[in-house]
């Protein structure tokens, strides 16, 4: 019966652990997504610049990249898509009004 009289302090520890875990998730959701989007946009623009397609407009939503605009002569939409798709962190690449 000695155990029944002891306070259950472990509940406080478990509650604190859950609150801390939820706080980490909230901070990563607020800070992480915009940071990833900016990094992917910069890296996508740099990769397109290396193949002389720096006129292409790049937009990023989470890890999905959309390319729009006019490609220079000799650059096909599929080569622009493949260049960006090869970057680490890119999930999909959509071609939207991309003209050769």
C-alpha atoms as a PDB file:
ATOM      1  CA  UNK A   1       0.000   0.000   0.000  1.00  0.00           C
ATOM      2  CA  UNK A   2       3.029   2.250   0.240  1.00  0.00           C
ATOM      3  CA  UNK A   3       3.003   2.802  -3.527  1.00  0.00           C
ATOM      4  CA  UNK A   4      -0.585   4.044  -3.544  1.00  0.00           C
ATOM      5  CA  UNK A   5       0.264   6.826  -1.094  1.00  0.00           C
ATOM      6  CA  UNK A   6       3.176   8.199  -3.174  1.00  0.00           C
ATOM      7  CA  UNK A   7       2.390  11.064  -5.515  1.00  0.00           C
ATOM      8  CA  UNK A   8       2.696  10.203  -9.159  1.00  0.00           C
ATOM      9  CA  UNK A   9       5.406  12.690 -10.099  1.00  0.00           C
ATOM     10  CA  UNK A  10       6.151  10.910 -13.338  1.00  0.00           C
ATOM     11  CA  UNK A  11       2.950  12.402 -14.805  1.00  0.00           C
ATOM     12  CA  UNK A  12       4.488  15.864 -14.450  1.00  0.00           C
ATOM     13  CA  UNK A  13       7.615  14.715 -16.258  1.00  0.00           C
ATOM     14  CA  UNK A  14       5.596  13.115 -19.034  1.00  0.00           C
ATOM     15  CA  UNK A  15       3.476  16.250 -19.419  1.00  0.00           C
ATOM     16  CA  UNK A  16       6.583  18.449 -19.611  1.00  0.00           C
ATOM     17  CA  UNK A  17       8.105  16.139 -22.228  1.00  0.00           C
ATOM     18  CA  UNK A  18       4.965  16.272 -24.386  1.00  0.00           C
ATOM     19  CA  UNK A  19       4.759  20.077 -24.137  1.00  0.00           C
ATOM     20  CA  UNK A  20       8.435  20.402 -25.104  1.00  0.00           C
ATOM     21  CA  UNK A  21       7.950  18.058 -28.071  1.00  0.00           C
ATOM     22  CA  UNK A  22       4.931  20.048 -29.287  1.00  0.00           C
ATOM     23  CA  UNK A  23       6.899  23.295 -28.957  1.00  0.00           C
ATOM     24  CA  UNK A  24       9.713  21.885 -31.108  1.00  0.00           C
ATOM     25  CA  UNK A  25       7.191  20.809 -33.758  1.00  0.00           C
ATOM     26  CA  UNK A  26       5.555  24.238 -33.772  1.00  0.00           C
ATOM     27  CA  UNK A  27       8.870  26.076 -34.122  1.00  0.00           C
ATOM     28  CA  UNK A  28      10.040  23.805 -36.933  1.00  0.00           C
ATOM     29  CA  UNK A  29       6.748  24.251 -38.795  1.00  0.00           C
ATOM     30  CA  UNK A  30       6.879  28.044 -38.534  1.00  0.00           C
ATOM     31  CA  UNK A  31      10.600  28.487 -39.229  1.00  0.00           C
ATOM     32  CA  UNK A  32      11.384  25.457 -41.388  1.00  0.00           C
ATOM     33  CA  UNK A  33       9.058  25.760 -44.377  1.00  0.00           C
ATOM     34  CA  UNK A  34       9.913  29.354 -45.393  1.00  0.00           C
ATOM     35  CA  UNK A  35      13.603  28.613 -44.916  1.00  0.00           C
ATOM     36  CA  UNK A  36      13.410  25.531 -47.161  1.00  0.00           C
ATOM     37  CA  UNK A  37      11.407  27.413 -49.808  1.00  0.00           C
ATOM     38  CA  UNK A  38      13.953  30.269 -49.946  1.00  0.00           C
ATOM     39  CA  UNK A  39      16.877  27.850 -50.177  1.00  0.00           C
ATOM     40  CA  UNK A  40      15.249  25.828 -52.976  1.00  0.00           C
ATOM     41  CA  UNK A  41      14.411  28.995 -54.925  1.00  0.00           C
ATOM     42  CA  UNK A  42      17.993  30.280 -54.704  1.00  0.00           C
ATOM     43  CA  UNK A  43      19.490  26.912 -55.661  1.00  0.00           C
ATOM     44  CA  UNK A  44      17.012  26.443 -58.525  1.00  0.00           C
ATOM     45  CA  UNK A  45      17.780  29.892 -59.930  1.00  0.00           C
ATOM     46  CA  UNK A  46      21.525  29.183 -59.675  1.00  0.00           C
ATOM     47  CA  UNK A  47      21.164  25.823 -61.443  1.00  0.00           C
ATOM     48  CA  UNK A  48      19.122  27.413 -64.232  1.00  0.00           C
ATOM     49  CA  UNK A  49      21.718  30.164 -64.523  1.00  0.00           C
ATOM     50  CA  UNK A  50      24.392  27.534 -65.118  1.00  0.00           C
ATOM     51  CA  UNK A  51      22.538  26.338 -68.231  1.00  0.00           C
ATOM     52  CA  UNK A  52      21.890  29.957 -69.343  1.00  0.00           C
ATOM     53  CA  UNK A  53      18.199  29.808 -68.441  1.00  0.00           C
ATOM     54  CA  UNK A  54      18.315  32.570 -65.842  1.00  0.00           C
ATOM     55  CA  UNK A  55      15.300  34.338 -67.419  1.00  0.00           C
ATOM     56  CA  UNK A  56      12.986  31.597 -66.111  1.00  0.00           C
ATOM     57  CA  UNK A  57      10.775  32.554 -63.172  1.00  0.00           C
ATOM     58  CA  UNK A  58      11.002  30.150 -60.238  1.00  0.00           C
ATOM     59  CA  UNK A  59       8.359  29.787 -57.548  1.00  0.00           C
ATOM     60  CA  UNK A  60       8.454  27.298 -54.693  1.00  0.00           C
ATOM     61  CA  UNK A  61       5.667  25.952 -52.512  1.00  0.00           C
ATOM     62  CA  UNK A  62       7.054  23.726 -49.777  1.00  0.00           C
ATOM     63  CA  UNK A  63       9.328  21.454 -51.851  1.00  0.00           C
ATOM     64  CA  UNK A  64       7.445  21.759 -55.151  1.00  0.00           C
ATOM     65  CA  UNK A  65       9.065  24.012 -57.784  1.00  0.00           C
ATOM     66  CA  UNK A  66       7.200  25.721 -60.641  1.00  0.00           C
ATOM     67  CA  UNK A  67       9.014  27.113 -63.675  1.00  0.00           C
ATOM     68  CA  UNK A  68       7.464  29.770 -65.909  1.00  0.00           C
ATOM     69  CA  UNK A  69       8.616  32.182 -68.569  1.00  0.00           C
ATOM     70  CA  UNK A  70      10.648  32.003 -71.753  1.00  0.00           C
ATOM     71  CA  UNK A  71      13.617  29.720 -72.261  1.00  0.00           C
ATOM     72  CA  UNK A  72      16.623  30.817 -74.312  1.00  0.00           C
ATOM     73  CA  UNK A  73      17.281  29.111 -77.666  1.00  0.00           C
ATOM     74  CA  UNK A  74      18.738  25.632 -77.315  1.00  0.00           C
ATOM     75  CA  UNK A  75      17.243  24.956 -73.875  1.00  0.00           C
ATOM     76  CA  UNK A  76      14.216  22.657 -73.831  1.00  0.00           C
ATOM     77  CA  UNK A  77      11.571  22.649 -71.115  1.00  0.00           C
ATOM     78  CA  UNK A  78      12.513  19.079 -70.214  1.00  0.00           C
ATOM     79  CA  UNK A  79      16.185  19.999 -69.736  1.00  0.00           C
ATOM     80  CA  UNK A  80      15.205  22.888 -67.455  1.00  0.00           C
ATOM     81  CA  UNK A  81      12.898  20.573 -65.503  1.00  0.00           C
ATOM     82  CA  UNK A  82      15.589  17.879 -65.221  1.00  0.00           C
ATOM     83  CA  UNK A  83      18.171  20.430 -64.052  1.00  0.00           C
ATOM     84  CA  UNK A  84      15.951  21.614 -61.203  1.00  0.00           C
ATOM     85  CA  UNK A  85      14.629  18.134 -60.383  1.00  0.00           C
ATOM     86  CA  UNK A  86      18.208  16.945 -59.790  1.00  0.00           C
ATOM     87  CA  UNK A  87      18.618  19.377 -56.881  1.00  0.00           C
ATOM     88  CA  UNK A  88      18.519  17.919 -53.386  1.00  0.00           C
ATOM     89  CA  UNK A  89      15.233  18.674 -51.634  1.00  0.00           C
ATOM     90  CA  UNK A  90      13.087  19.205 -54.726  1.00  0.00           C
ATOM     91  CA  UNK A  91      10.030  16.940 -54.702  1.00  0.00           C
ATOM     92  CA  UNK A  92       8.362  17.879 -57.993  1.00  0.00           C
ATOM     93  CA  UNK A  93       8.912  20.338 -60.839  1.00  0.00           C
ATOM     94  CA  UNK A  94       5.937  21.757 -62.712  1.00  0.00           C
ATOM     95  CA  UNK A  95       6.226  23.592 -66.031  1.00  0.00           C
ATOM     96  CA  UNK A  96       3.725  26.428 -66.214  1.00  0.00           C
ATOM     97  CA  UNK A  97       3.632  28.544 -69.377  1.00  0.00           C
ATOM     98  CA  UNK A  98       7.267  27.709 -70.062  1.00  0.00           C
ATOM     99  CA  UNK A  99       8.050  28.510 -73.678  1.00  0.00           C
ATOM    100  CA  UNK A 100      11.108  27.498 -75.634  1.00  0.00           C
END
